[in-house]
């Protein structure tokens, strides 16, 4: 997608959220440009303030205003306001320098063909953009230093005894996390959310300011951050990671780094800090392709790196399970529905949105089976596992969903068309996704008494209503898609936190998966 197309379609601006942080960054960058200009005007050009109002310099302020607007637009497009927490300091400085260099070249070309009456000299243009670059970079360096000092100060807090009422939710500002956090708070829990907040503050807007909510804006791969936030935590709910087959395929090394290596680190630190329970968000994708209905004892057949990373993580965390550290893995069905951070890269949500916006429901592999579950029911299932007697969930794996919500993708399309009659169904059998599985959810129903409250038809109605009312933006925006966001900001926006000192086999998913498959079958 070209820059021109992005600017014309305003797609980059839909990802811009009116938060205090983004407002401060925009104000600081605009102030840097004007401050640099005034410095050049007073000290380089040896002019005074009154000269700016003179007839011969009447075009200077409009010209500078235009450059301020161009700077804002290009900074938004570069992700400096839409995903600032995902960029490393060097990436931010590099992008600022490159953007301002391009603006300097553009300004130079304009001056070369502009009449002298414009009133702007090459010297003042160079001073303005060079100074603005330096000030913007210094501002971000100061911000990075302050954030680092906050981490160091927080890291010195004395270790507290674990408290069952204190819950750490890693990835708490995501699709599932934003639905879960409010329920935990309503239950009277003190909740700490550890999340890089790539999608801004909006996912947790409903609970912002709650006295029992603490938000830590950090990457969960930071060892010192994990050590600090785990203090006094009684239970950890790990929802963090790269989610979905397409997103995980963008950068396989990053996927393993986040989904496998860091997950093991999270589990080890949680156990070392005294947490009593650990709930891990896995996926029914681990079953892959199977003609028969599968349950928790079935063999793995992962068809993607995402699914393989879940298999590996289950094995690594399962090895940590002990009498004083209860590990529970929840394998979610394909999730649908609206939450604080709605996703439209999930098949049910996407087809609903396309039916409303485009009038077309395109189905790839209409005969393929999928289990479905509403995001609110996923949050309820996590709550159920969290509050269940520990002996019922320790070392256990549960599929999360309902036997009545196993549908083929063709049946899903028919349910959507029933609520959007004007939409036409287009079936395409040229499907590269080989997943095909029906899942039994008897174990979570019989052992924990969990039954979903939502039906697929009701969830479809919810999504259609929200899309029609324009409560969400266009489904194609990166903020609603993990893979588009990753491509938009680049995998480098997640930084690099290579963790050393571990056995190399922990990174080898092909070796982990078979051993875990044997272990799980025997355990179940």
Protein backbone atom coordinates (compact mmCIF):
# COMPACT_ATOMS: atom_id res chain seq x y z
CA UNK A 1 0.00 0.00 0.00
CA UNK A 2 1.51 3.32 -1.07
CA UNK A 3 1.80 6.40 1.08
CA UNK A 4 -0.44 8.36 -1.33
CA UNK A 5 -3.17 5.74 -1.11
CA UNK A 6 -2.96 5.72 2.68
CA UNK A 7 -3.26 9.49 2.89
CA UNK A 8 -6.17 9.66 0.47
CA UNK A 9 -8.04 6.87 2.25
CA UNK A 10 -7.14 8.24 5.71
CA UNK A 11 -6.49 4.66 6.88
CA UNK A 12 -3.55 5.65 9.05
CA UNK A 13 -5.67 8.18 10.92
CA UNK A 14 -8.28 5.61 11.96
CA UNK A 15 -5.58 3.95 14.06
CA UNK A 16 -4.80 7.25 15.82
CA UNK A 17 -6.40 7.33 19.27
CA UNK A 18 -7.08 10.57 21.20
CA UNK A 19 -5.07 9.56 24.25
CA UNK A 20 -3.06 11.81 26.54
CA UNK A 21 0.16 10.21 25.35
CA UNK A 22 -0.53 10.76 21.65
CA UNK A 23 -1.69 14.33 22.31
CA UNK A 24 1.53 15.10 24.20
CA UNK A 25 3.68 13.62 21.43
CA UNK A 26 1.87 15.61 18.74
CA UNK A 27 2.13 18.83 20.76
CA UNK A 28 5.83 18.25 21.48
CA UNK A 29 6.66 17.64 17.82
CA UNK A 30 4.71 20.69 16.66
CA UNK A 31 6.37 22.82 19.34
CA UNK A 32 9.79 21.53 18.25
CA UNK A 33 9.21 22.73 14.70
CA UNK A 34 8.06 26.19 15.74
CA UNK A 35 10.75 26.54 18.42
CA UNK A 36 13.45 25.68 15.90
CA UNK A 37 12.02 28.20 13.44
CA UNK A 38 11.92 30.98 16.03
CA UNK A 39 15.51 30.20 17.05
CA UNK A 40 16.61 30.53 13.44
CA UNK A 41 14.52 33.65 12.93
CA UNK A 42 15.93 35.47 15.95
CA UNK A 43 19.52 34.22 16.08
CA UNK A 44 20.38 33.08 12.54
CA UNK A 45 18.42 35.60 10.49
CA UNK A 46 18.77 38.30 13.17
CA UNK A 47 15.11 39.29 12.82
CA UNK A 48 12.51 40.34 15.38
CA UNK A 49 8.95 39.31 16.08
CA UNK A 50 7.48 42.34 14.37
CA UNK A 51 9.16 41.35 11.12
CA UNK A 52 6.95 38.27 10.90
CA UNK A 53 3.92 40.52 10.44
CA UNK A 54 5.51 42.60 7.71
CA UNK A 55 4.08 42.53 4.20
CA UNK A 56 7.23 41.08 2.69
CA UNK A 57 7.17 38.08 5.06
CA UNK A 58 3.42 37.37 5.03
CA UNK A 59 3.90 33.91 3.48
CA UNK A 60 6.29 32.60 6.11
CA UNK A 61 3.73 31.57 8.72
CA UNK A 62 1.39 29.84 6.21
CA UNK A 63 4.42 28.03 4.77
CA UNK A 64 5.49 26.89 8.23
CA UNK A 65 1.92 25.85 9.02
CA UNK A 66 1.88 23.71 5.89
CA UNK A 67 5.11 22.03 6.98
CA UNK A 68 3.63 21.42 10.42
CA UNK A 69 0.69 19.66 8.77
CA UNK A 70 2.98 17.61 6.52
CA UNK A 71 5.06 16.62 9.54
CA UNK A 72 1.96 15.51 11.42
CA UNK A 73 0.66 13.47 8.46
CA UNK A 74 3.96 11.71 7.82
CA UNK A 75 4.55 11.00 11.51
CA UNK A 76 1.09 9.43 11.76
CA UNK A 77 1.76 7.35 8.66
CA UNK A 78 5.11 6.22 10.09
CA UNK A 79 3.38 4.94 13.24
CA UNK A 80 5.05 7.42 15.57
CA UNK A 81 1.68 8.31 17.08
CA UNK A 82 -0.32 5.13 16.38
CA UNK A 83 2.08 2.47 17.73
CA UNK A 84 4.82 4.35 19.62
CA UNK A 85 5.20 1.77 22.39
CA UNK A 86 6.10 -0.88 19.83
CA UNK A 87 9.15 0.96 18.45
CA UNK A 88 12.64 0.91 19.88
CA UNK A 89 14.28 4.28 20.54
CA UNK A 90 16.68 3.86 17.61
CA UNK A 91 13.78 3.10 15.27
CA UNK A 92 11.93 6.23 16.37
CA UNK A 93 15.00 8.43 15.91
CA UNK A 94 15.73 6.87 12.53
CA UNK A 95 12.19 7.47 11.28
CA UNK A 96 12.12 11.05 12.51
CA UNK A 97 15.45 11.82 10.85
CA UNK A 98 14.44 10.25 7.54
CA UNK A 99 11.06 11.97 7.45
CA UNK A 100 12.54 15.39 8.21
CA UNK A 101 15.26 14.86 5.61
CA UNK A 102 12.58 14.22 2.99
CA UNK A 103 10.70 17.34 4.14
CA UNK A 104 13.94 19.33 3.89
CA UNK A 105 14.42 18.16 0.31
CA UNK A 106 10.81 19.01 -0.54
CA UNK A 107 11.21 22.44 1.03
CA UNK A 108 14.43 23.01 -0.89
CA UNK A 109 12.73 22.16 -4.17
CA UNK A 110 9.88 24.54 -3.37
CA UNK A 111 12.32 27.36 -2.54
CA UNK A 112 14.23 26.75 -5.77
CA UNK A 113 11.16 27.57 -7.81
CA UNK A 114 9.47 30.02 -5.44
CA UNK A 115 9.68 33.79 -5.94
CA UNK A 116 11.78 35.83 -3.47
CA UNK A 117 8.55 37.28 -2.10
CA UNK A 118 8.01 34.02 -0.24
CA UNK A 119 10.37 35.44 2.36
CA UNK A 120 11.98 32.13 3.39
CA UNK A 121 15.68 31.54 2.93
CA UNK A 122 17.40 28.14 2.60
CA UNK A 123 19.23 28.95 5.81
CA UNK A 124 16.06 29.33 7.88
CA UNK A 125 14.58 26.19 6.30
CA UNK A 126 17.68 24.17 7.18
CA UNK A 127 17.76 25.56 10.72
CA UNK A 128 14.06 24.85 11.27
CA UNK A 129 14.05 21.23 10.14
CA UNK A 130 17.44 20.38 11.65
CA UNK A 131 16.46 21.90 14.98
CA UNK A 132 13.05 20.22 14.92
CA UNK A 133 14.72 16.88 14.29
CA UNK A 134 17.11 17.31 17.20
CA UNK A 135 14.38 18.46 19.59
CA UNK A 136 12.01 15.64 18.63
CA UNK A 137 14.77 13.06 19.09
CA UNK A 138 15.86 14.53 22.42
CA UNK A 139 12.26 14.46 23.65
CA UNK A 140 12.01 10.76 22.88
CA UNK A 141 15.38 10.06 24.48
CA UNK A 142 14.24 11.81 27.67
CA UNK A 143 11.01 9.80 27.61
CA UNK A 144 12.98 6.56 27.23
CA UNK A 145 15.25 7.48 30.15
CA UNK A 146 12.29 8.31 32.38
CA UNK A 147 10.59 5.02 31.50
CA UNK A 148 13.81 3.17 32.26
CA UNK A 149 14.10 4.90 35.63
CA UNK A 150 10.51 3.97 36.41
CA UNK A 151 11.33 0.33 35.71
CA UNK A 152 14.44 0.43 37.88
CA UNK A 153 12.59 2.11 40.72
CA UNK A 154 9.77 -0.41 40.47
CA UNK A 155 12.24 -3.27 40.36
CA UNK A 156 13.57 -2.39 43.78
CA UNK A 157 10.23 -2.99 45.48
CA UNK A 158 10.50 -5.68 48.14
CA UNK A 159 9.00 -9.07 47.41
CA UNK A 160 5.45 -9.45 48.73
CA UNK A 161 3.74 -12.66 49.75
CA UNK A 162 1.34 -14.06 47.11
CA UNK A 163 -2.25 -12.92 47.51
CA UNK A 164 -4.99 -14.93 45.77
CA UNK A 165 -6.99 -11.76 45.20
CA UNK A 166 -4.18 -10.25 43.11
CA UNK A 167 -4.26 -11.33 39.48
CA UNK A 168 -1.75 -10.58 36.74
CA UNK A 169 -3.22 -10.58 33.23
CA UNK A 170 -0.52 -10.59 30.56
CA UNK A 171 -2.00 -9.25 27.34
CA UNK A 172 -4.89 -7.76 29.28
CA UNK A 173 -5.56 -5.04 26.68
CA UNK A 174 -6.10 -7.54 23.86
CA UNK A 175 -9.21 -9.08 22.35
CA UNK A 176 -9.85 -11.54 25.17
CA UNK A 177 -8.09 -9.60 27.91
CA UNK A 178 -10.27 -6.52 27.50
CA UNK A 179 -13.34 -8.72 28.07
CA UNK A 180 -11.75 -10.51 31.03
CA UNK A 181 -10.34 -7.61 33.05
CA UNK A 182 -13.73 -6.04 33.73
CA UNK A 183 -15.09 -9.36 35.00
CA UNK A 184 -12.13 -9.81 37.34
CA UNK A 185 -12.62 -6.32 38.75
CA UNK A 186 -16.33 -6.97 39.24
CA UNK A 187 -15.35 -10.08 41.20
CA UNK A 188 -13.39 -7.88 43.60
CA UNK A 189 -9.92 -8.85 42.38
CA UNK A 190 -6.97 -6.50 42.24
CA UNK A 191 -5.86 -6.74 38.61
CA UNK A 192 -2.49 -5.87 37.13
CA UNK A 193 -2.41 -5.73 33.34
CA UNK A 194 0.97 -6.20 31.68
CA UNK A 195 0.63 -5.12 28.06
CA UNK A 196 2.68 -3.12 25.58
CA UNK A 197 -0.60 -1.37 24.63
CA UNK A 198 0.10 -1.54 20.91
CA UNK A 199 -3.53 -0.66 20.23
CA UNK A 200 -3.70 2.30 22.59
CA UNK A 201 -5.80 2.87 25.70
CA UNK A 202 -9.22 2.26 24.15
CA UNK A 203 -9.49 -1.50 24.86
CA UNK A 204 -9.56 -0.80 28.62
CA UNK A 205 -11.42 2.51 28.44
CA UNK A 206 -14.46 1.09 30.30
CA UNK A 207 -12.38 0.30 33.38
CA UNK A 208 -9.83 3.12 33.17
CA UNK A 209 -9.32 4.71 36.56
CA UNK A 210 -10.67 1.73 38.51
CA UNK A 211 -8.99 1.79 41.94
CA UNK A 212 -8.16 -1.94 41.77
CA UNK A 213 -6.61 -1.80 38.29
CA UNK A 214 -2.91 -1.29 37.60
CA UNK A 215 -1.68 -1.05 34.02
CA UNK A 216 1.99 -1.70 33.25
CA UNK A 217 2.85 -0.64 29.70
CA UNK A 218 5.73 -2.97 28.96
CA UNK A 219 6.73 -5.90 26.78
CA UNK A 220 6.38 -9.14 28.77
CA UNK A 221 9.76 -10.29 27.46
CA UNK A 222 11.52 -7.90 29.89
CA UNK A 223 12.88 -10.07 32.70
CA UNK A 224 13.08 -7.17 35.17
CA UNK A 225 9.52 -6.11 34.39
CA UNK A 226 8.20 -9.63 34.93
CA UNK A 227 10.07 -9.94 38.21
CA UNK A 228 8.62 -6.65 39.44
CA UNK A 229 4.98 -7.18 38.45
CA UNK A 230 4.91 -10.75 39.77
CA UNK A 231 5.52 -9.58 43.34
CA UNK A 232 2.54 -10.50 45.50
CA UNK A 233 0.61 -12.03 42.59
CA UNK A 234 -1.50 -15.06 43.42
CA UNK A 235 -2.48 -16.07 39.88
CA UNK A 236 -1.18 -15.36 36.39
CA UNK A 237 -3.38 -15.41 33.29
CA UNK A 238 -1.14 -15.48 30.23
CA UNK A 239 -2.97 -14.15 27.15
CA UNK A 240 0.04 -12.43 25.61
CA UNK A 241 1.67 -13.36 22.33
CA UNK A 242 1.29 -13.25 18.59
CA UNK A 243 -2.12 -14.71 17.78
CA UNK A 244 -3.36 -16.23 14.54
CA UNK A 245 -1.82 -18.22 11.72
CA UNK A 246 -1.20 -15.26 9.33
CA UNK A 247 0.35 -13.00 11.99
CA UNK A 248 2.71 -15.72 13.20
CA UNK A 249 3.82 -16.47 9.64
CA UNK A 250 5.06 -12.89 9.07
CA UNK A 251 8.20 -13.35 11.17
CA UNK A 252 8.74 -16.93 12.41
CA UNK A 253 11.72 -16.00 14.59
CA UNK A 254 9.69 -13.30 16.35
CA UNK A 255 6.83 -15.76 16.82
CA UNK A 256 9.06 -18.30 18.55
CA UNK A 257 10.69 -15.54 20.60
CA UNK A 258 7.34 -14.23 21.89
CA UNK A 259 5.11 -17.30 21.93
CA UNK A 260 7.56 -19.95 23.11
CA UNK A 261 10.75 -18.57 24.62
CA UNK A 262 9.10 -15.73 26.53
CA UNK A 263 6.20 -17.92 27.64
CA UNK A 264 8.61 -20.30 29.34
CA UNK A 265 10.27 -17.32 31.01
CA UNK A 266 6.90 -16.05 32.25
CA UNK A 267 6.08 -19.44 33.74
CA UNK A 268 9.44 -19.81 35.46
CA UNK A 269 9.33 -16.34 37.02
CA UNK A 270 5.71 -16.80 38.11
CA UNK A 271 6.63 -20.01 39.90
CA UNK A 272 9.77 -18.51 41.44
CA UNK A 273 7.81 -15.51 42.74
CA UNK A 274 5.27 -17.74 44.46
CA UNK A 275 2.19 -17.51 42.24
CA UNK A 276 -0.17 -20.39 42.98
CA UNK A 277 -2.07 -20.62 39.70
CA UNK A 278 -1.10 -20.17 36.07
CA UNK A 279 -3.70 -20.14 33.29
CA UNK A 280 -2.42 -20.29 29.72
CA UNK A 281 -4.37 -19.31 26.61
CA UNK A 282 -3.92 -22.12 24.11
CA UNK A 283 -5.97 -22.96 21.03
CA UNK A 284 -7.98 -25.77 19.48
CA UNK A 285 -5.78 -25.16 16.43
CA UNK A 286 -3.38 -27.69 17.97
CA UNK A 287 -5.70 -30.41 16.62
CA UNK A 288 -5.20 -29.17 13.06
CA UNK A 289 -6.89 -31.51 10.60
CA UNK A 290 -8.92 -34.50 11.73
CA UNK A 291 -11.98 -36.24 10.31
CA UNK A 292 -13.18 -37.39 13.73
CA UNK A 293 -14.30 -35.31 16.70
CA UNK A 294 -11.33 -34.58 18.96
CA UNK A 295 -10.99 -34.09 22.70
CA UNK A 296 -8.19 -33.30 25.14
CA UNK A 297 -6.69 -36.79 24.74
CA UNK A 298 -6.42 -36.59 20.94
CA UNK A 299 -3.09 -36.40 19.19
CA UNK A 300 -1.78 -33.07 17.98
CA UNK A 301 -1.75 -32.29 14.27
CA UNK A 302 -0.79 -28.58 14.10
CA UNK A 303 -1.01 -27.09 10.62
CA UNK A 304 0.71 -23.76 11.29
CA UNK A 305 3.52 -22.15 13.25
CA UNK A 306 0.92 -20.55 15.52
CA UNK A 307 -0.52 -23.95 16.43
CA UNK A 308 2.93 -25.45 16.87
CA UNK A 309 3.90 -22.61 19.21
CA UNK A 310 0.86 -23.43 21.35
CA UNK A 311 1.82 -27.10 21.48
CA UNK A 312 5.35 -26.17 22.53
CA UNK A 313 4.16 -23.70 25.16
CA UNK A 314 1.80 -26.24 26.70
CA UNK A 315 4.70 -28.68 27.03
CA UNK A 316 7.03 -26.11 28.58
CA UNK A 317 4.43 -24.90 31.07
CA UNK A 318 3.25 -28.42 31.83
CA UNK A 319 6.76 -29.28 32.97
CA UNK A 320 6.48 -26.50 35.59
CA UNK A 321 3.25 -27.83 37.11
CA UNK A 322 3.69 -28.89 40.73
CA UNK A 323 1.82 -29.16 44.01
CA UNK A 324 2.34 -25.47 44.75
CA UNK A 325 2.11 -24.19 41.15
CA UNK A 326 -1.05 -25.26 39.34
CA UNK A 327 -0.81 -24.88 35.55
CA UNK A 328 -4.02 -24.96 33.51
CA UNK A 329 -4.10 -24.77 29.71
CA UNK A 330 -7.32 -23.62 28.03
CA UNK A 331 -7.67 -24.45 24.36
CA UNK A 332 -10.04 -21.87 22.93
CA UNK A 333 -12.32 -22.58 20.00
CA UNK A 334 -12.43 -20.01 17.17
CA UNK A 335 -13.46 -16.83 18.96
CA UNK A 336 -16.06 -14.34 17.73
CA UNK A 337 -17.92 -11.33 19.08
CA UNK A 338 -17.27 -7.77 20.20
CA UNK A 339 -14.87 -6.75 22.97
CA UNK A 340 -12.84 -3.73 23.99
CA UNK A 341 -10.36 -4.54 21.23
CA UNK A 342 -12.47 -6.18 18.54
CA UNK A 343 -10.73 -8.20 15.84
CA UNK A 344 -11.86 -8.64 12.25
CA UNK A 345 -9.20 -11.17 11.31
CA UNK A 346 -11.35 -13.92 12.84
CA UNK A 347 -13.57 -15.76 10.40
CA UNK A 348 -17.01 -15.15 11.95
CA UNK A 349 -16.38 -11.47 12.67
CA UNK A 350 -14.80 -10.90 9.26
CA UNK A 351 -17.61 -12.55 7.29
CA UNK A 352 -20.19 -10.54 9.25
CA UNK A 353 -18.38 -7.29 8.49
CA UNK A 354 -17.93 -8.14 4.81
CA UNK A 355 -21.60 -9.06 4.52
CA UNK A 356 -22.62 -5.64 5.84
CA UNK A 357 -19.94 -3.50 4.17
CA UNK A 358 -19.44 -5.33 0.87
CA UNK A 359 -22.61 -7.36 0.43
CA UNK A 360 -20.50 -10.48 -0.13
CA UNK A 361 -19.76 -13.48 2.10
CA UNK A 362 -16.73 -15.23 0.64
CA UNK A 363 -16.15 -18.69 2.08
CA UNK A 364 -12.90 -20.58 1.56
CA UNK A 365 -13.39 -24.28 2.21
CA UNK A 366 -17.13 -24.41 2.91
CA UNK A 367 -16.96 -28.03 4.11
CA UNK A 368 -14.30 -27.39 6.74
CA UNK A 369 -15.38 -27.71 10.38
CA UNK A 370 -14.61 -25.20 13.10
CA UNK A 371 -15.67 -24.92 16.74
CA UNK A 372 -16.82 -21.44 17.78
CA UNK A 373 -17.04 -19.56 21.08
CA UNK A 374 -17.93 -15.97 21.99
CA UNK A 375 -15.18 -13.79 23.46
CA UNK A 376 -17.34 -13.11 26.51
CA UNK A 377 -17.70 -16.84 27.10
CA UNK A 378 -13.93 -17.24 26.82
CA UNK A 379 -13.56 -14.68 29.60
CA UNK A 380 -16.14 -16.59 31.65
CA UNK A 381 -14.26 -19.85 31.10
CA UNK A 382 -11.05 -18.27 32.37
CA UNK A 383 -12.92 -17.04 35.44
CA UNK A 384 -14.31 -20.53 35.96
CA UNK A 385 -10.84 -22.09 35.85
CA UNK A 386 -9.48 -19.38 38.14
CA UNK A 387 -12.10 -19.89 40.84
CA UNK A 388 -12.45 -23.69 40.58
CA UNK A 389 -10.95 -25.88 43.32
CA UNK A 390 -7.28 -26.14 42.48
CA UNK A 391 -7.31 -29.94 42.47
CA UNK A 392 -9.78 -29.89 39.56
CA UNK A 393 -7.64 -27.72 37.30
CA UNK A 394 -4.02 -28.34 38.31
CA UNK A 395 -2.07 -29.86 35.44
CA UNK A 396 -5.19 -30.05 33.30
CA UNK A 397 -6.08 -29.05 29.76
CA UNK A 398 -9.61 -27.97 28.83
CA UNK A 399 -11.17 -27.27 25.46
CA UNK A 400 -13.26 -24.10 25.74
CA UNK A 401 -16.45 -23.94 23.70
CA UNK A 402 -19.68 -25.84 23.14
CA UNK A 403 -20.51 -29.06 21.29
CA UNK A 404 -23.50 -27.25 19.75
CA UNK A 405 -21.24 -24.64 18.15
CA UNK A 406 -19.28 -26.94 15.85
CA UNK A 407 -20.14 -25.63 12.37
CA UNK A 408 -18.79 -25.91 8.86
CA UNK A 409 -17.74 -22.62 7.31
CA UNK A 410 -20.58 -23.05 4.83
CA UNK A 411 -23.06 -23.29 7.70
CA UNK A 412 -21.52 -20.18 9.24
CA UNK A 413 -22.06 -18.31 5.97
CA UNK A 414 -25.69 -19.43 5.87
CA UNK A 415 -26.28 -18.16 9.41
CA UNK A 416 -24.84 -14.78 8.46
CA UNK A 417 -26.88 -14.57 5.26
CA UNK A 418 -30.03 -15.26 7.25
CA UNK A 419 -29.39 -11.97 9.07
CA UNK A 420 -28.04 -10.07 6.05
CA UNK A 421 -30.36 -11.33 3.28
CA UNK A 422 -29.02 -8.93 0.65
CA UNK A 423 -25.52 -10.38 0.92
CA UNK A 424 -24.55 -13.10 -1.53
CA UNK A 425 -22.48 -16.14 -0.61
CA UNK A 426 -19.44 -16.91 -2.75
CA UNK A 427 -17.74 -20.25 -2.21
CA UNK A 428 -14.08 -20.72 -3.11
CA UNK A 429 -12.65 -24.21 -2.67
CA UNK A 430 -9.09 -23.11 -3.50
CA UNK A 431 -8.22 -22.98 0.17
CA UNK A 432 -4.69 -23.21 1.55
CA UNK A 433 -5.91 -23.47 5.15
CA UNK A 434 -6.00 -27.20 5.89
CA UNK A 435 -7.55 -26.93 9.34
CA UNK A 436 -10.65 -29.07 9.74
CA UNK A 437 -11.76 -30.23 13.17
CA UNK A 438 -14.79 -30.77 15.36
CA UNK A 439 -14.14 -30.58 19.08
CA UNK A 440 -15.70 -32.15 22.15
CA UNK A 441 -16.17 -29.82 25.11
CA UNK A 442 -17.52 -32.45 27.48
CA UNK A 443 -14.59 -32.22 29.89
CA UNK A 444 -15.01 -28.55 30.83
CA UNK A 445 -18.77 -29.04 31.04
CA UNK A 446 -18.63 -32.13 33.23
CA UNK A 447 -15.66 -31.23 35.43
CA UNK A 448 -16.12 -27.46 35.84
CA UNK A 449 -19.79 -27.04 34.99
CA UNK A 450 -19.02 -24.53 32.26
CA UNK A 451 -21.50 -23.89 29.44
CA UNK A 452 -21.29 -20.93 27.02
CA UNK A 453 -24.04 -18.34 27.38
CA UNK A 454 -23.82 -17.11 23.78
CA UNK A 455 -25.01 -18.86 20.64
CA UNK A 456 -23.35 -18.28 17.29
CA UNK A 457 -26.56 -16.74 15.91
CA UNK A 458 -26.70 -14.23 18.75
CA UNK A 459 -23.02 -13.39 18.34
CA UNK A 460 -23.51 -12.83 14.61
CA UNK A 461 -26.35 -10.44 15.41
CA UNK A 462 -24.10 -8.54 17.83
CA UNK A 463 -21.30 -8.09 15.30
CA UNK A 464 -23.69 -7.08 12.51
CA UNK A 465 -25.36 -4.51 14.77
CA UNK A 466 -22.04 -2.95 15.79
CA UNK A 467 -20.79 -2.79 12.20
CA UNK A 468 -24.03 -1.27 10.92
CA UNK A 469 -24.06 1.37 13.65
CA UNK A 470 -20.45 2.36 12.84
CA UNK A 471 -19.38 1.78 16.43
CA UNK A 472 -16.20 0.35 14.95
CA UNK A 473 -14.13 1.44 11.98
CA UNK A 474 -13.77 -0.38 8.68
CA UNK A 475 -12.86 -4.03 9.08
CA UNK A 476 -9.77 -3.62 6.89
CA UNK A 477 -8.02 -1.23 9.28
CA UNK A 478 -4.81 -2.58 10.88
CA UNK A 479 -6.10 -1.88 14.39
CA UNK A 480 -8.62 -4.72 13.92
CA UNK A 481 -6.18 -7.25 12.49
CA UNK A 482 -3.12 -8.78 14.11
CA UNK A 483 -1.45 -9.59 10.80
CA UNK A 484 -2.17 -6.19 9.24
CA UNK A 485 -0.90 -4.41 12.34
CA UNK A 486 2.29 -6.46 12.29
CA UNK A 487 2.83 -5.67 8.61
CA UNK A 488 1.92 -2.02 9.18
CA UNK A 489 4.37 -1.37 11.99
CA UNK A 490 6.85 -4.05 11.00
CA UNK A 491 8.08 -6.88 13.17
CA UNK A 492 10.89 -4.60 14.34
CA UNK A 493 8.25 -2.58 16.20
CA UNK A 494 8.17 -5.41 18.76
CA UNK A 495 11.86 -4.98 19.44
CA UNK A 496 14.28 -7.79 20.14
CA UNK A 497 14.69 -9.39 23.55
CA UNK A 498 16.71 -12.48 22.83
CA UNK A 499 16.91 -14.47 26.04
CA UNK A 500 20.13 -16.43 26.38
CA UNK A 501 21.21 -19.34 28.54
CA UNK A 502 18.45 -21.77 27.66
CA UNK A 503 18.85 -25.20 26.13
CA UNK A 504 18.52 -25.02 22.37
CA UNK A 505 15.90 -27.75 22.33
CA UNK A 506 13.44 -25.41 24.03
CA UNK A 507 13.32 -23.44 20.78
CA UNK A 508 12.90 -26.54 18.63
CA UNK A 509 9.15 -26.91 18.37
CA UNK A 510 9.43 -30.04 16.22
CA UNK A 511 11.15 -31.82 19.12
CA UNK A 512 8.86 -30.44 21.82
CA UNK A 513 5.53 -31.23 20.17
CA UNK A 514 5.90 -35.02 19.86
CA UNK A 515 7.07 -35.42 23.45
CA UNK A 516 4.21 -33.30 24.71
CA UNK A 517 1.72 -35.25 22.65
CA UNK A 518 2.76 -38.45 24.42
CA UNK A 519 2.71 -36.77 27.82
CA UNK A 520 -0.72 -35.23 27.34
CA UNK A 521 -2.29 -38.42 26.08
CA UNK A 522 -0.96 -40.34 29.03
CA UNK A 523 -1.94 -37.67 31.55
CA UNK A 524 -5.46 -37.37 30.25
